[in-house]
Amino acid sequence: MRIWVPAEWVAAGLTGLPGTEVEIVDPDGTGLPASSAEVEFYVPSFFPSLAGAEAMAQMPRLRVVQALTAGVDKLRPYVPDGAVLCNARGAHDASTAEWVVAAMLAAIRGFPGFALDQSERRWNYHHTDALAEKTVLIVGYGSIGAAVERRLAGFDVTVLRVARAPRDGVAGIAGLPALLPRADVVVVLVPFTAETAGMVDAAFLARMRDGALLVNAARGAVVDTGALVAELSSGRLRAAADVTDPEPLPPEHPLWTAPGVFITPHVAASTPVSTRRVVGFVRSQAEAYLRGEPLRNVITDTY
C-alpha cells in the first residue's frame, strides 16, 4: 500500500509499518509524482492547501483520506467517491483545551497588559478580574469541550454546555440564545460547517452580557469579524482568539488594535503532545486499514 504524508515528522511515525510504501508529498499545484496513481492512504498537510485537496482527484486508487486535524472543512468537498474521510478527533484535545484555559486566564487576569508594561519597564500595580465564580458557556461541547471542562474543575466556575443536539446535561443549539446572557465567558469550539459559518454574529454578541469574554478556538469564519470589532471598540466585550477571519490576519486589520482582544496565530494544537498523539493516531488508522478493520473518526455527515 502506498501512503502519502506531508512531512518527515508524519513519515517517522510510520517507520516499519509492514506492507507499505511511505512517500513524503505535499502537493503545491506544480504537478504530482507518477506514484499518485498508486496512493491508497493520503494524509494532507496540517493546514491543508487547495492544491493538496485538489490532488485527490488524481489518485484513482485512493481509499482513505486521514486529516491531521479535527476540522475537515477544507478537505471534505474534494474527497472522491470510493474514499472515506477521517478526522483526528481526540488527538488535539489536551493541547487545545490547555490553550483555551490559558487564554481565558490571561485575558481575565490582564496578562497581555502586564507583558506590555514589562516590555516598557513600567511597574503598573492594579487589581484584575478573576476566573473564580464565573459562569463559562462552552458552545460546541464535544471532546475538546469536555477536555476544557475537566481542566476548569479546580477554578470554582459554573459550566454551561451547548451542542448541536441536546443530551443529558447539554443544551441543544436552540437553547443558546437563552444561555448567552448568563455567561461571563463564552468558549466557541464548534466545527466549521454551513450552519456554523458566521454564527457568532451581531445578534449573538449582543446577547452576551456586558464585560463578557469571547474565546474562539474553533475557526475564524465562525465569527463575524466586523461585528466583533464593533463590540470590542465599544468596550462592551473582550475576546481571546487563536483563529481569525481572514487568516493570517493582515497587519492593517482593525482586529489587531481593537481594545480588549488577545490574539495568537492558530497555535492551540501546535505542541509536541499533539504531534505525538496525531502521528500515533495516523499509524493506528493505517494499521486498521491494512488489517481490514473499521476505521475511527469516519466523517459521514457534514462533520
C-alpha atoms as a PDB file:
ATOM      1  CA  MET A   1       0.000   0.000   0.000  1.00  0.00           C
ATOM      2  CA  ARG A   2       1.314   3.445  -0.898  1.00  0.00           C
ATOM      3  CA  ILE A   3       0.830   6.186   1.681  1.00  0.00           C
ATOM      4  CA  TRP A   4       1.417   9.858   1.025  1.00  0.00           C
ATOM      5  CA  VAL A   5       2.245  12.035   4.024  1.00  0.00           C
ATOM      6  CA  PRO A   6       3.068  15.766   4.001  1.00  0.00           C
ATOM      7  CA  ALA A   7       6.229  15.865   6.117  1.00  0.00           C
ATOM      8  CA  GLU A   8       9.055  13.894   7.686  1.00  0.00           C
ATOM      9  CA  TRP A   9       7.545  14.115  11.168  1.00  0.00           C
ATOM     10  CA  VAL A  10       4.493  12.169   9.966  1.00  0.00           C
ATOM     11  CA  ALA A  11       6.582   9.699   7.973  1.00  0.00           C
ATOM     12  CA  ALA A  12       8.733   8.974  11.029  1.00  0.00           C
ATOM     13  CA  GLY A  13       5.672   7.725  12.865  1.00  0.00           C
ATOM     14  CA  LEU A  14       5.007   5.169  10.132  1.00  0.00           C
ATOM     15  CA  THR A  15       8.510   3.696  10.137  1.00  0.00           C
ATOM     16  CA  GLY A  16       8.477  -0.088   9.910  1.00  0.00           C
ATOM     17  CA  LEU A  17       4.794  -0.347   9.004  1.00  0.00           C
ATOM     18  CA  PRO A  18       4.697  -3.638   7.065  1.00  0.00           C
ATOM     19  CA  GLY A  19       3.321  -3.798   3.559  1.00  0.00           C
ATOM     20  CA  THR A  20       3.563  -0.065   2.939  1.00  0.00           C
ATOM     21  CA  GLU A  21       5.500   2.425   0.855  1.00  0.00           C
ATOM     22  CA  VAL A  22       5.511   5.778   2.648  1.00  0.00           C
ATOM     23  CA  GLU A  23       6.284   8.790   0.471  1.00  0.00           C
ATOM     24  CA  ILE A  24       6.560  12.422   1.558  1.00  0.00           C
ATOM     25  CA  VAL A  25       4.482  14.500  -0.848  1.00  0.00           C
ATOM     26  CA  ASP A  26       2.795  17.817  -0.067  1.00  0.00           C
ATOM     27  CA  PRO A  27       1.117  18.876  -3.331  1.00  0.00           C
ATOM     28  CA  ASP A  28       1.704  22.507  -4.283  1.00  0.00           C
ATOM     29  CA  GLY A  29      -0.008  22.706  -7.656  1.00  0.00           C
ATOM     30  CA  THR A  30       3.145  22.263  -9.740  1.00  0.00           C
ATOM     31  CA  GLY A  31       2.469  18.646 -10.678  1.00  0.00           C
ATOM     32  CA  LEU A  32       2.344  15.295  -8.912  1.00  0.00           C
ATOM     33  CA  PRO A  33       4.719  12.338  -8.928  1.00  0.00           C
ATOM     34  CA  ALA A  34       3.668   9.370 -11.060  1.00  0.00           C
ATOM     35  CA  SER A  35       3.084   7.461  -7.809  1.00  0.00           C
ATOM     36  CA  SER A  36      -0.173   9.401  -7.353  1.00  0.00           C
ATOM     37  CA  ALA A  37      -1.780   6.569  -9.338  1.00  0.00           C
ATOM     38  CA  GLU A  38      -0.896   4.152  -6.518  1.00  0.00           C
ATOM     39  CA  VAL A  39      -1.890   6.146  -3.439  1.00  0.00           C
ATOM     40  CA  GLU A  40      -4.476   4.391  -1.254  1.00  0.00           C
ATOM     41  CA  PHE A  41      -3.943   6.255   2.023  1.00  0.00           C
ATOM     42  CA  TYR A  42      -3.456  10.033   1.875  1.00  0.00           C
ATOM     43  CA  VAL A  43      -2.525  12.348   4.744  1.00  0.00           C
ATOM     44  CA  PRO A  44      -2.848  16.033   3.725  1.00  0.00           C
ATOM     45  CA  SER A  45      -0.857  18.766   5.454  1.00  0.00           C
ATOM     46  CA  PHE A  46      -1.800  20.122   8.871  1.00  0.00           C
ATOM     47  CA  PHE A  47      -3.054  23.326   7.221  1.00  0.00           C
ATOM     48  CA  PRO A  48      -4.499  21.824   4.003  1.00  0.00           C
ATOM     49  CA  SER A  49      -3.922  23.822   0.841  1.00  0.00           C
ATOM     50  CA  LEU A  50      -6.273  23.982  -2.125  1.00  0.00           C
ATOM     51  CA  ALA A  51      -3.626  22.189  -4.188  1.00  0.00           C
ATOM     52  CA  GLY A  52      -3.432  19.451  -1.589  1.00  0.00           C
ATOM     53  CA  ALA A  53      -7.187  18.982  -1.645  1.00  0.00           C
ATOM     54  CA  GLU A  54      -7.493  19.073  -5.432  1.00  0.00           C
ATOM     55  CA  ALA A  55      -4.718  16.481  -5.767  1.00  0.00           C
ATOM     56  CA  MET A  56      -7.122  13.798  -4.586  1.00  0.00           C
ATOM     57  CA  ALA A  57      -8.793  13.843  -7.997  1.00  0.00           C
ATOM     58  CA  GLN A  58      -5.564  12.394  -9.430  1.00  0.00           C
ATOM     59  CA  MET A  59      -5.456   9.405  -7.051  1.00  0.00           C
ATOM     60  CA  PRO A  60      -7.619   6.714  -8.707  1.00  0.00           C
ATOM     61  CA  ARG A  61      -6.850   4.112  -6.009  1.00  0.00           C
ATOM     62  CA  LEU A  62      -7.486   6.436  -3.084  1.00  0.00           C
ATOM     63  CA  ARG A  63      -9.469   4.789  -0.276  1.00  0.00           C
ATOM     64  CA  VAL A  64      -8.608   6.759   2.893  1.00  0.00           C
ATOM     65  CA  VAL A  65      -8.051  10.475   3.484  1.00  0.00           C
ATOM     66  CA  GLN A  66      -6.758  10.935   7.018  1.00  0.00           C
ATOM     67  CA  ALA A  67      -6.745  14.529   8.255  1.00  0.00           C
ATOM     68  CA  LEU A  68      -4.229  15.677  10.849  1.00  0.00           C
ATOM     69  CA  THR A  69      -6.842  17.980  12.389  1.00  0.00           C
ATOM     70  CA  ALA A  70     -10.333  17.707  13.819  1.00  0.00           C
ATOM     71  CA  GLY A  71     -11.618  20.220  11.263  1.00  0.00           C
ATOM     72  CA  VAL A  72     -12.089  18.866   7.741  1.00  0.00           C
ATOM     73  CA  ASP A  73     -13.968  21.711   6.044  1.00  0.00           C
ATOM     74  CA  LYS A  74     -11.153  22.352   3.542  1.00  0.00           C
ATOM     75  CA  LEU A  75     -10.932  18.689   2.542  1.00  0.00           C
ATOM     76  CA  ARG A  76     -14.461  17.343   2.556  1.00  0.00           C
ATOM     77  CA  PRO A  77     -15.646  18.797  -0.803  1.00  0.00           C
ATOM     78  CA  TYR A  78     -12.719  17.174  -2.632  1.00  0.00           C
ATOM     79  CA  VAL A  79     -12.872  13.604  -1.320  1.00  0.00           C
ATOM     80  CA  PRO A  80     -13.628  11.389  -4.342  1.00  0.00           C
ATOM     81  CA  ASP A  81     -16.230   8.641  -4.492  1.00  0.00           C
ATOM     82  CA  GLY A  82     -14.860   5.423  -3.126  1.00  0.00           C
ATOM     83  CA  ALA A  83     -12.740   7.099  -0.444  1.00  0.00           C
ATOM     84  CA  VAL A  84     -13.561   7.815   3.190  1.00  0.00           C
ATOM     85  CA  LEU A  85     -12.520  10.914   5.115  1.00  0.00           C
ATOM     86  CA  CYS A  86     -11.390  10.584   8.729  1.00  0.00           C
ATOM     87  CA  ASN A  87     -10.514  13.407  11.075  1.00  0.00           C
ATOM     88  CA  ALA A  88      -8.140  13.436  14.035  1.00  0.00           C
ATOM     89  CA  ARG A  89     -10.788  13.999  16.681  1.00  0.00           C
ATOM     90  CA  GLY A  90      -9.280  13.458  20.103  1.00  0.00           C
ATOM     91  CA  ALA A  91      -5.623  13.895  19.170  1.00  0.00           C
ATOM     92  CA  HIS A  92      -5.584  17.620  19.893  1.00  0.00           C
ATOM     93  CA  ASP A  93      -7.984  17.728  22.838  1.00  0.00           C
ATOM     94  CA  ALA A  94      -5.348  18.261  25.531  1.00  0.00           C
ATOM     95  CA  SER A  95      -3.390  20.968  23.717  1.00  0.00           C
ATOM     96  CA  THR A  96      -6.446  22.887  22.527  1.00  0.00           C
ATOM     97  CA  ALA A  97      -8.170  22.697  25.905  1.00  0.00           C
ATOM     98  CA  GLU A  98      -4.978  23.897  27.574  1.00  0.00           C
ATOM     99  CA  TRP A  99      -4.862  26.885  25.210  1.00  0.00           C
ATOM    100  CA  VAL A 100      -8.496  27.726  25.961  1.00  0.00           C
ATOM    101  CA  VAL A 101      -7.937  27.784  29.723  1.00  0.00           C
ATOM    102  CA  ALA A 102      -4.618  29.631  29.373  1.00  0.00           C
ATOM    103  CA  ALA A 103      -6.157  32.272  27.099  1.00  0.00           C
ATOM    104  CA  MET A 104      -9.125  32.630  29.415  1.00  0.00           C
ATOM    105  CA  LEU A 105      -6.857  33.206  32.417  1.00  0.00           C
ATOM    106  CA  ALA A 106      -4.509  35.511  30.509  1.00  0.00           C
ATOM    107  CA  ALA A 107      -7.356  37.727  29.331  1.00  0.00           C
ATOM    108  CA  ILE A 108      -9.189  37.831  32.649  1.00  0.00           C
ATOM    109  CA  ARG A 109      -6.050  38.436  34.716  1.00  0.00           C
ATOM    110  CA  GLY A 110      -4.744  41.055  32.271  1.00  0.00           C
ATOM    111  CA  PHE A 111      -1.503  39.286  31.319  1.00  0.00           C
ATOM    112  CA  PRO A 112      -1.214  40.904  27.861  1.00  0.00           C
ATOM    113  CA  GLY A 113      -1.241  44.321  29.504  1.00  0.00           C
ATOM    114  CA  PHE A 114       1.316  43.281  32.103  1.00  0.00           C
ATOM    115  CA  ALA A 115       3.546  41.898  29.325  1.00  0.00           C
ATOM    116  CA  LEU A 116       3.395  45.281  27.604  1.00  0.00           C
ATOM    117  CA  ASP A 117       4.221  47.004  30.882  1.00  0.00           C
ATOM    118  CA  GLN A 118       7.220  44.707  31.319  1.00  0.00           C
ATOM    119  CA  SER A 119       8.493  45.455  27.813  1.00  0.00           C
ATOM    120  CA  GLU A 120       8.411  49.154  28.741  1.00  0.00           C
ATOM    121  CA  ARG A 121       9.848  48.558  32.250  1.00  0.00           C
ATOM    122  CA  ARG A 122       6.746  50.002  33.876  1.00  0.00           C
ATOM    123  CA  TRP A 123       5.558  48.830  37.323  1.00  0.00           C
ATOM    124  CA  ASN A 124       1.812  49.206  36.863  1.00  0.00           C
ATOM    125  CA  TYR A 125       0.152  47.826  40.003  1.00  0.00           C
ATOM    126  CA  HIS A 126      -3.616  47.385  39.754  1.00  0.00           C
ATOM    127  CA  HIS A 127      -6.332  44.887  40.572  1.00  0.00           C
ATOM    128  CA  THR A 128      -7.531  42.471  37.896  1.00  0.00           C
ATOM    129  CA  ASP A 129     -10.607  40.345  37.414  1.00  0.00           C
ATOM    130  CA  ALA A 130     -10.591  36.647  38.414  1.00  0.00           C
ATOM    131  CA  LEU A 131     -11.918  33.473  36.836  1.00  0.00           C
ATOM    132  CA  ALA A 132     -13.279  32.192  40.144  1.00  0.00           C
ATOM    133  CA  GLU A 133     -17.075  32.430  40.495  1.00  0.00           C
ATOM    134  CA  LYS A 134     -17.544  32.976  36.751  1.00  0.00           C
ATOM    135  CA  THR A 135     -20.001  31.123  34.506  1.00  0.00           C
ATOM    136  CA  VAL A 136     -18.366  29.556  31.440  1.00  0.00           C
ATOM    137  CA  LEU A 137     -20.522  28.611  28.455  1.00  0.00           C
ATOM    138  CA  ILE A 138     -18.971  26.062  26.084  1.00  0.00           C
ATOM    139  CA  VAL A 139     -20.547  26.282  22.623  1.00  0.00           C
ATOM    140  CA  GLY A 140     -19.768  23.109  20.691  1.00  0.00           C
ATOM    141  CA  TYR A 141     -19.497  20.629  23.543  1.00  0.00           C
ATOM    142  CA  GLY A 142     -17.599  17.693  22.052  1.00  0.00           C
ATOM    143  CA  SER A 143     -14.375  16.006  23.094  1.00  0.00           C
ATOM    144  CA  ILE A 144     -12.441  19.289  23.288  1.00  0.00           C
ATOM    145  CA  GLY A 145     -15.246  20.931  25.235  1.00  0.00           C
ATOM    146  CA  ALA A 146     -15.215  18.071  27.725  1.00  0.00           C
ATOM    147  CA  ALA A 147     -11.420  18.439  27.998  1.00  0.00           C
ATOM    148  CA  VAL A 148     -11.844  22.147  28.736  1.00  0.00           C
ATOM    149  CA  GLU A 149     -14.365  21.391  31.463  1.00  0.00           C
ATOM    150  CA  ARG A 150     -12.030  18.862  33.096  1.00  0.00           C
ATOM    151  CA  ARG A 151      -9.303  21.493  33.230  1.00  0.00           C
ATOM    152  CA  LEU A 152     -11.696  24.016  34.770  1.00  0.00           C
ATOM    153  CA  ALA A 153     -12.611  21.658  37.607  1.00  0.00           C
ATOM    154  CA  GLY A 154     -10.443  23.444  40.187  1.00  0.00           C
ATOM    155  CA  PHE A 155     -11.305  27.018  39.244  1.00  0.00           C
ATOM    156  CA  ASP A 156     -14.617  27.426  41.097  1.00  0.00           C
ATOM    157  CA  VAL A 157     -16.615  28.092  37.936  1.00  0.00           C
ATOM    158  CA  THR A 158     -20.067  27.096  36.726  1.00  0.00           C
ATOM    159  CA  VAL A 159     -20.044  25.382  33.326  1.00  0.00           C
ATOM    160  CA  LEU A 160     -22.907  25.526  30.831  1.00  0.00           C
ATOM    161  CA  ARG A 161     -22.845  23.343  27.699  1.00  0.00           C
ATOM    162  CA  VAL A 162     -24.330  23.606  24.209  1.00  0.00           C
ATOM    163  CA  ALA A 163     -24.064  21.130  21.333  1.00  0.00           C
ATOM    164  CA  ARG A 164     -25.815  20.646  18.003  1.00  0.00           C
ATOM    165  CA  ALA A 165     -28.308  18.235  19.573  1.00  0.00           C
ATOM    166  CA  PRO A 166     -29.426  18.227  23.224  1.00  0.00           C
ATOM    167  CA  ARG A 167     -28.451  15.426  25.598  1.00  0.00           C
ATOM    168  CA  ASP A 168     -28.253  14.934  29.322  1.00  0.00           C
ATOM    169  CA  GLY A 169     -26.566  17.993  30.814  1.00  0.00           C
ATOM    170  CA  VAL A 170     -26.033  19.592  27.399  1.00  0.00           C
ATOM    171  CA  ALA A 171     -28.462  22.023  25.782  1.00  0.00           C
ATOM    172  CA  GLY A 172     -29.185  21.952  22.059  1.00  0.00           C
ATOM    173  CA  ILE A 173     -28.365  24.851  19.798  1.00  0.00           C
ATOM    174  CA  ALA A 174     -31.940  26.125  20.200  1.00  0.00           C
ATOM    175  CA  GLY A 175     -31.159  26.874  23.841  1.00  0.00           C
ATOM    176  CA  LEU A 176     -28.149  29.057  23.053  1.00  0.00           C
ATOM    177  CA  PRO A 177     -29.906  32.463  22.962  1.00  0.00           C
ATOM    178  CA  ALA A 178     -31.195  31.990  26.498  1.00  0.00           C
ATOM    179  CA  LEU A 179     -27.820  30.864  27.834  1.00  0.00           C
ATOM    180  CA  LEU A 180     -25.643  33.613  26.336  1.00  0.00           C
ATOM    181  CA  PRO A 181     -26.779  36.350  28.778  1.00  0.00           C
ATOM    182  CA  ARG A 182     -25.890  34.083  31.724  1.00  0.00           C
ATOM    183  CA  ALA A 183     -22.240  33.584  30.770  1.00  0.00           C
ATOM    184  CA  ASP A 184     -19.178  35.571  31.802  1.00  0.00           C
ATOM    185  CA  VAL A 185     -17.034  33.578  29.362  1.00  0.00           C
ATOM    186  CA  VAL A 186     -18.255  32.099  26.065  1.00  0.00           C
ATOM    187  CA  VAL A 187     -15.936  29.461  24.557  1.00  0.00           C
ATOM    188  CA  VAL A 188     -16.563  28.662  20.884  1.00  0.00           C
ATOM    189  CA  LEU A 189     -15.492  25.177  19.773  1.00  0.00           C
ATOM    190  CA  VAL A 190     -17.966  24.349  17.005  1.00  0.00           C
ATOM    191  CA  PRO A 191     -16.788  22.740  13.749  1.00  0.00           C
ATOM    192  CA  PHE A 192     -16.908  24.949  10.676  1.00  0.00           C
ATOM    193  CA  THR A 193     -19.926  23.982   8.568  1.00  0.00           C
ATOM    194  CA  ALA A 194     -22.541  25.787   6.502  1.00  0.00           C
ATOM    195  CA  GLU A 195     -24.654  26.010   9.655  1.00  0.00           C
ATOM    196  CA  THR A 196     -21.915  27.484  11.869  1.00  0.00           C
ATOM    197  CA  ALA A 197     -20.392  29.944   9.378  1.00  0.00           C
ATOM    198  CA  GLY A 198     -20.884  33.389  10.896  1.00  0.00           C
ATOM    199  CA  MET A 199     -22.942  32.052  13.801  1.00  0.00           C
ATOM    200  CA  VAL A 200     -21.197  34.445  16.215  1.00  0.00           C
ATOM    201  CA  ASP A 201     -22.800  37.447  14.569  1.00  0.00           C
ATOM    202  CA  ALA A 202     -24.020  40.811  15.840  1.00  0.00           C
ATOM    203  CA  ALA A 203     -27.142  39.238  17.372  1.00  0.00           C
ATOM    204  CA  PHE A 204     -25.104  36.536  19.148  1.00  0.00           C
ATOM    205  CA  LEU A 205     -22.668  39.104  20.534  1.00  0.00           C
ATOM    206  CA  ALA A 206     -25.477  41.441  21.578  1.00  0.00           C
ATOM    207  CA  ARG A 207     -26.911  38.686  23.785  1.00  0.00           C
ATOM    208  CA  MET A 208     -23.643  38.362  25.698  1.00  0.00           C
ATOM    209  CA  ARG A 209     -23.581  40.228  28.997  1.00  0.00           C
ATOM    210  CA  ASP A 210     -21.583  43.425  29.383  1.00  0.00           C
ATOM    211  CA  GLY A 211     -17.923  42.731  30.098  1.00  0.00           C
ATOM    212  CA  ALA A 212     -18.105  39.104  28.940  1.00  0.00           C
ATOM    213  CA  LEU A 213     -15.157  37.365  27.273  1.00  0.00           C
ATOM    214  CA  LEU A 214     -15.445  35.542  23.939  1.00  0.00           C
ATOM    215  CA  VAL A 215     -12.842  32.771  23.438  1.00  0.00           C
ATOM    216  CA  ASN A 216     -12.601  31.386  19.898  1.00  0.00           C
ATOM    217  CA  ALA A 217     -10.647  28.163  19.341  1.00  0.00           C
ATOM    218  CA  ALA A 218     -12.887  26.930  16.509  1.00  0.00           C
ATOM    219  CA  ARG A 219     -12.438  28.571  13.102  1.00  0.00           C
ATOM    220  CA  GLY A 220     -12.137  32.266  12.348  1.00  0.00           C
ATOM    221  CA  ALA A 221     -15.094  32.268   9.966  1.00  0.00           C
ATOM    222  CA  VAL A 222     -17.423  31.086  12.734  1.00  0.00           C
ATOM    223  CA  VAL A 223     -17.244  34.700  13.968  1.00  0.00           C
ATOM    224  CA  ASP A 224     -18.426  37.802  12.088  1.00  0.00           C
ATOM    225  CA  THR A 225     -15.169  39.740  12.456  1.00  0.00           C
ATOM    226  CA  GLY A 226     -16.747  43.106  11.717  1.00  0.00           C
ATOM    227  CA  ALA A 227     -19.389  42.602  14.401  1.00  0.00           C
ATOM    228  CA  LEU A 228     -16.722  41.529  16.890  1.00  0.00           C
ATOM    229  CA  VAL A 229     -14.538  44.561  16.143  1.00  0.00           C
ATOM    230  CA  ALA A 230     -17.579  46.801  16.712  1.00  0.00           C
ATOM    231  CA  GLU A 231     -18.287  45.271  20.123  1.00  0.00           C
ATOM    232  CA  LEU A 232     -14.637  45.398  21.151  1.00  0.00           C
ATOM    233  CA  SER A 233     -14.330  49.005  20.020  1.00  0.00           C
ATOM    234  CA  SER A 234     -17.293  49.947  22.188  1.00  0.00           C
ATOM    235  CA  GLY A 235     -15.554  48.390  25.185  1.00  0.00           C
ATOM    236  CA  ARG A 236     -18.561  46.211  25.985  1.00  0.00           C
ATOM    237  CA  LEU A 237     -16.934  42.814  25.290  1.00  0.00           C
ATOM    238  CA  ARG A 238     -13.463  41.278  25.382  1.00  0.00           C
ATOM    239  CA  ALA A 239     -12.049  38.469  23.244  1.00  0.00           C
ATOM    240  CA  ALA A 240      -9.270  35.903  23.025  1.00  0.00           C
ATOM    241  CA  ALA A 241      -8.801  34.283  19.619  1.00  0.00           C
ATOM    242  CA  ASP A 242      -6.480  31.633  18.247  1.00  0.00           C
ATOM    243  CA  VAL A 243      -8.250  31.815  14.875  1.00  0.00           C
ATOM    244  CA  THR A 244      -9.333  34.794  12.800  1.00  0.00           C
ATOM    245  CA  ASP A 245     -11.150  35.666   9.604  1.00  0.00           C
ATOM    246  CA  PRO A 246      -9.194  36.385   7.457  1.00  0.00           C
ATOM    247  CA  GLU A 247      -6.244  34.209   8.395  1.00  0.00           C
ATOM    248  CA  PRO A 248      -3.417  35.054   8.568  1.00  0.00           C
ATOM    249  CA  LEU A 249      -4.668  38.393   9.838  1.00  0.00           C
ATOM    250  CA  PRO A 250      -3.249  41.213   7.663  1.00  0.00           C
ATOM    251  CA  PRO A 251      -1.082  43.753   9.530  1.00  0.00           C
ATOM    252  CA  GLU A 252      -3.507  46.587   8.808  1.00  0.00           C
ATOM    253  CA  HIS A 253      -6.603  44.743  10.037  1.00  0.00           C
ATOM    254  CA  PRO A 254      -8.517  46.620  12.786  1.00  0.00           C
ATOM    255  CA  LEU A 255      -8.832  43.487  14.927  1.00  0.00           C
ATOM    256  CA  TRP A 256      -5.138  43.771  15.848  1.00  0.00           C
ATOM    257  CA  THR A 257      -5.661  47.096  17.604  1.00  0.00           C
ATOM    258  CA  ALA A 258      -9.190  46.641  18.910  1.00  0.00           C
ATOM    259  CA  PRO A 259      -9.307  47.162  22.685  1.00  0.00           C
ATOM    260  CA  GLY A 260      -9.667  44.114  24.873  1.00  0.00           C
ATOM    261  CA  VAL A 261      -8.508  41.483  22.360  1.00  0.00           C
ATOM    262  CA  PHE A 262      -5.770  38.856  22.797  1.00  0.00           C
ATOM    263  CA  ILE A 263      -4.684  37.057  19.597  1.00  0.00           C
ATOM    264  CA  THR A 264      -2.459  34.043  18.991  1.00  0.00           C
ATOM    265  CA  PRO A 265      -1.632  32.777  15.446  1.00  0.00           C
ATOM    266  CA  HIS A 266      -3.576  29.479  15.291  1.00  0.00           C
ATOM    267  CA  VAL A 267      -1.203  27.672  17.638  1.00  0.00           C
ATOM    268  CA  ALA A 268      -3.579  25.943  20.070  1.00  0.00           C
ATOM    269  CA  ALA A 269      -2.772  22.457  18.753  1.00  0.00           C
ATOM    270  CA  SER A 270       0.837  23.187  17.793  1.00  0.00           C
ATOM    271  CA  THR A 271       2.554  21.313  20.612  1.00  0.00           C
ATOM    272  CA  PRO A 272       4.730  18.195  20.965  1.00  0.00           C
ATOM    273  CA  VAL A 273       1.837  16.442  22.712  1.00  0.00           C
ATOM    274  CA  SER A 274      -0.474  16.988  19.749  1.00  0.00           C
ATOM    275  CA  THR A 275       2.271  15.918  17.342  1.00  0.00           C
ATOM    276  CA  ARG A 276       2.879  12.628  19.147  1.00  0.00           C
ATOM    277  CA  ARG A 277      -0.797  11.857  19.528  1.00  0.00           C
ATOM    278  CA  VAL A 278      -1.803  12.660  15.960  1.00  0.00           C
ATOM    279  CA  VAL A 279       1.082  10.657  14.489  1.00  0.00           C
ATOM    280  CA  GLY A 280       0.146   7.733  16.714  1.00  0.00           C
ATOM    281  CA  PHE A 281      -3.437   8.022  15.527  1.00  0.00           C
ATOM    282  CA  VAL A 282      -2.398   8.083  11.852  1.00  0.00           C
ATOM    283  CA  ARG A 283      -0.375   4.918  12.385  1.00  0.00           C
ATOM    284  CA  SER A 284      -3.250   3.164  14.139  1.00  0.00           C
ATOM    285  CA  GLN A 285      -5.571   4.109  11.270  1.00  0.00           C
ATOM    286  CA  ALA A 286      -3.132   2.788   8.660  1.00  0.00           C
ATOM    287  CA  GLU A 287      -2.744  -0.445  10.626  1.00  0.00           C
ATOM    288  CA  ALA A 288      -6.520  -0.849  10.860  1.00  0.00           C
ATOM    289  CA  TYR A 289      -6.893  -0.302   7.117  1.00  0.00           C
ATOM    290  CA  LEU A 290      -4.199  -2.866   6.347  1.00  0.00           C
ATOM    291  CA  ARG A 291      -5.961  -5.428   8.559  1.00  0.00           C
ATOM    292  CA  GLY A 292      -9.347  -4.692   7.016  1.00  0.00           C
ATOM    293  CA  GLU A 293     -10.686  -3.390  10.332  1.00  0.00           C
ATOM    294  CA  PRO A 294     -13.093  -0.447  10.768  1.00  0.00           C
ATOM    295  CA  LEU A 295     -11.538   2.994  10.779  1.00  0.00           C
ATOM    296  CA  ARG A 296     -12.237   5.534  13.516  1.00  0.00           C
ATOM    297  CA  ASN A 297     -13.489   9.094  13.116  1.00  0.00           C
ATOM    298  CA  VAL A 298     -15.087   8.465   9.710  1.00  0.00           C
ATOM    299  CA  ILE A 299     -16.966  11.567   8.565  1.00  0.00           C
ATOM    300  CA  THR A 300     -20.442  10.507   7.479  1.00  0.00           C
ATOM    301  CA  ASP A 301     -22.305  13.822   7.582  1.00  0.00           C
ATOM    302  CA  THR A 302     -21.248  17.451   7.431  1.00  0.00           C
ATOM    303  CA  TYR A 303     -18.945  16.647  10.342  1.00  0.00           C
END
